[in-house]
């Protein structure tokens, strides 16, 4: 779908794979304010129809901030790309637990 974002002038770097997302533990410890005691990563996938996927995208801040015409054009392109098929989206949540030093 990167081509669809590029087509409406909202391209950029492609999203990285979940394994490429760094945790915040090292940054927290480097501050000298915290000692990290646990780091967890939770990854899951969801499958969406075109309309359901666009509904999800419509809740993201970067999409909400786009001009209405740009957002609608992007969503039309995405719907056309998916068609009657489904799309699988990966999600990642990270949890860093630390104690104040």
Protein backbone atom coordinates (compact mmCIF):
# COMPACT_ATOMS: atom_id res chain seq x y z
CA UNK A 1 0.00 0.00 0.00
CA UNK A 2 3.04 2.25 0.09
CA UNK A 3 2.29 3.17 -3.54
CA UNK A 4 -1.13 4.45 -2.47
CA UNK A 5 0.42 6.70 0.17
CA UNK A 6 2.98 7.90 -2.40
CA UNK A 7 0.16 8.63 -4.89
CA UNK A 8 -1.50 11.09 -2.50
CA UNK A 9 1.77 12.68 -1.41
CA UNK A 10 1.81 11.06 2.02
CA UNK A 11 4.57 8.57 1.37
CA UNK A 12 7.62 8.20 3.50
CA UNK A 13 9.52 5.34 4.93
CA UNK A 14 7.74 2.03 4.82
CA UNK A 15 6.77 0.77 8.27
CA UNK A 16 9.43 -1.45 9.77
CA UNK A 17 8.78 -5.04 10.70
CA UNK A 18 7.92 -5.67 14.36
CA UNK A 19 11.32 -7.20 15.06
CA UNK A 20 12.88 -3.90 13.96
CA UNK A 21 11.13 -1.88 16.68
CA UNK A 22 13.45 -1.10 19.56
CA UNK A 23 12.32 -1.13 23.18
CA UNK A 24 12.85 1.83 25.50
CA UNK A 25 14.78 0.05 28.24
CA UNK A 26 18.25 1.26 27.27
CA UNK A 27 17.02 4.83 26.93
CA UNK A 28 15.29 4.67 30.30
CA UNK A 29 18.40 3.33 32.04
CA UNK A 30 20.62 5.88 30.27
CA UNK A 31 18.58 8.66 31.86
CA UNK A 32 19.89 7.55 35.26
CA UNK A 33 16.36 7.80 36.65
CA UNK A 34 15.24 4.20 36.20
CA UNK A 35 16.41 0.60 36.39
CA UNK A 36 14.56 -1.65 33.99
CA UNK A 37 13.28 -4.84 35.58
CA UNK A 38 11.29 -6.30 32.70
CA UNK A 39 10.71 -5.84 29.00
CA UNK A 40 7.94 -7.60 27.13
CA UNK A 41 6.77 -7.56 23.53
CA UNK A 42 3.30 -8.59 22.48
CA UNK A 43 2.68 -9.19 18.80
CA UNK A 44 -0.55 -10.19 17.07
CA UNK A 45 -2.19 -10.02 13.67
CA UNK A 46 -5.68 -9.08 12.58
CA UNK A 47 -7.36 -9.73 9.27
CA UNK A 48 -9.60 -7.06 7.75
CA UNK A 49 -11.91 -6.54 4.80
CA UNK A 50 -11.23 -3.38 2.81
CA UNK A 51 -13.94 -1.38 4.59
CA UNK A 52 -12.94 -2.62 8.04
CA UNK A 53 -9.29 -1.79 7.35
CA UNK A 54 -10.14 1.73 6.21
CA UNK A 55 -12.28 2.13 9.34
CA UNK A 56 -9.23 1.27 11.46
CA UNK A 57 -6.95 3.60 9.50
CA UNK A 58 -9.51 6.35 9.99
CA UNK A 59 -8.84 6.30 13.73
CA UNK A 60 -5.09 6.99 13.41
CA UNK A 61 -3.95 10.53 14.19
CA UNK A 62 -1.84 10.91 11.06
CA UNK A 63 -4.87 10.08 8.92
CA UNK A 64 -7.20 12.32 10.92
CA UNK A 65 -4.82 15.25 10.40
CA UNK A 66 -4.83 14.87 6.61
CA UNK A 67 -7.04 17.09 4.52
CA UNK A 68 -10.39 15.41 3.95
CA UNK A 69 -9.91 15.13 0.17
CA UNK A 70 -6.46 13.57 0.58
CA UNK A 71 -7.70 11.10 3.18
CA UNK A 72 -10.70 10.10 1.07
CA UNK A 73 -8.52 9.62 -2.02
CA UNK A 74 -6.07 7.49 -0.05
CA UNK A 75 -8.86 5.36 1.39
CA UNK A 76 -10.39 4.90 -2.06
CA UNK A 77 -7.03 3.69 -3.39
CA UNK A 78 -6.62 1.29 -0.47
CA UNK A 79 -10.14 -0.09 -0.90
CA UNK A 80 -9.46 -0.66 -4.61
CA UNK A 81 -6.14 -2.38 -3.87
CA UNK A 82 -7.71 -4.79 -1.36
CA UNK A 83 -10.88 -5.34 -3.39
CA UNK A 84 -12.87 -8.39 -2.28
CA UNK A 85 -9.87 -9.92 -0.54
CA UNK A 86 -8.69 -9.35 3.02
CA UNK A 87 -5.57 -7.73 4.40
CA UNK A 88 -3.55 -8.87 7.41
CA UNK A 89 -2.12 -6.20 9.71
CA UNK A 90 0.54 -6.82 12.34
CA UNK A 91 0.40 -5.06 15.69
CA UNK A 92 3.05 -4.70 18.33
CA UNK A 93 2.77 -3.48 21.90
CA UNK A 94 5.84 -3.09 24.08
CA UNK A 95 5.92 -2.96 27.85
CA UNK A 96 8.93 -1.72 29.81
CA UNK A 97 8.69 -2.03 33.59
CA UNK A 98 11.19 -0.01 35.61
CA UNK A 99 11.81 1.20 39.13
CA UNK A 100 12.89 4.69 39.98
CA UNK A 101 16.52 4.85 41.15
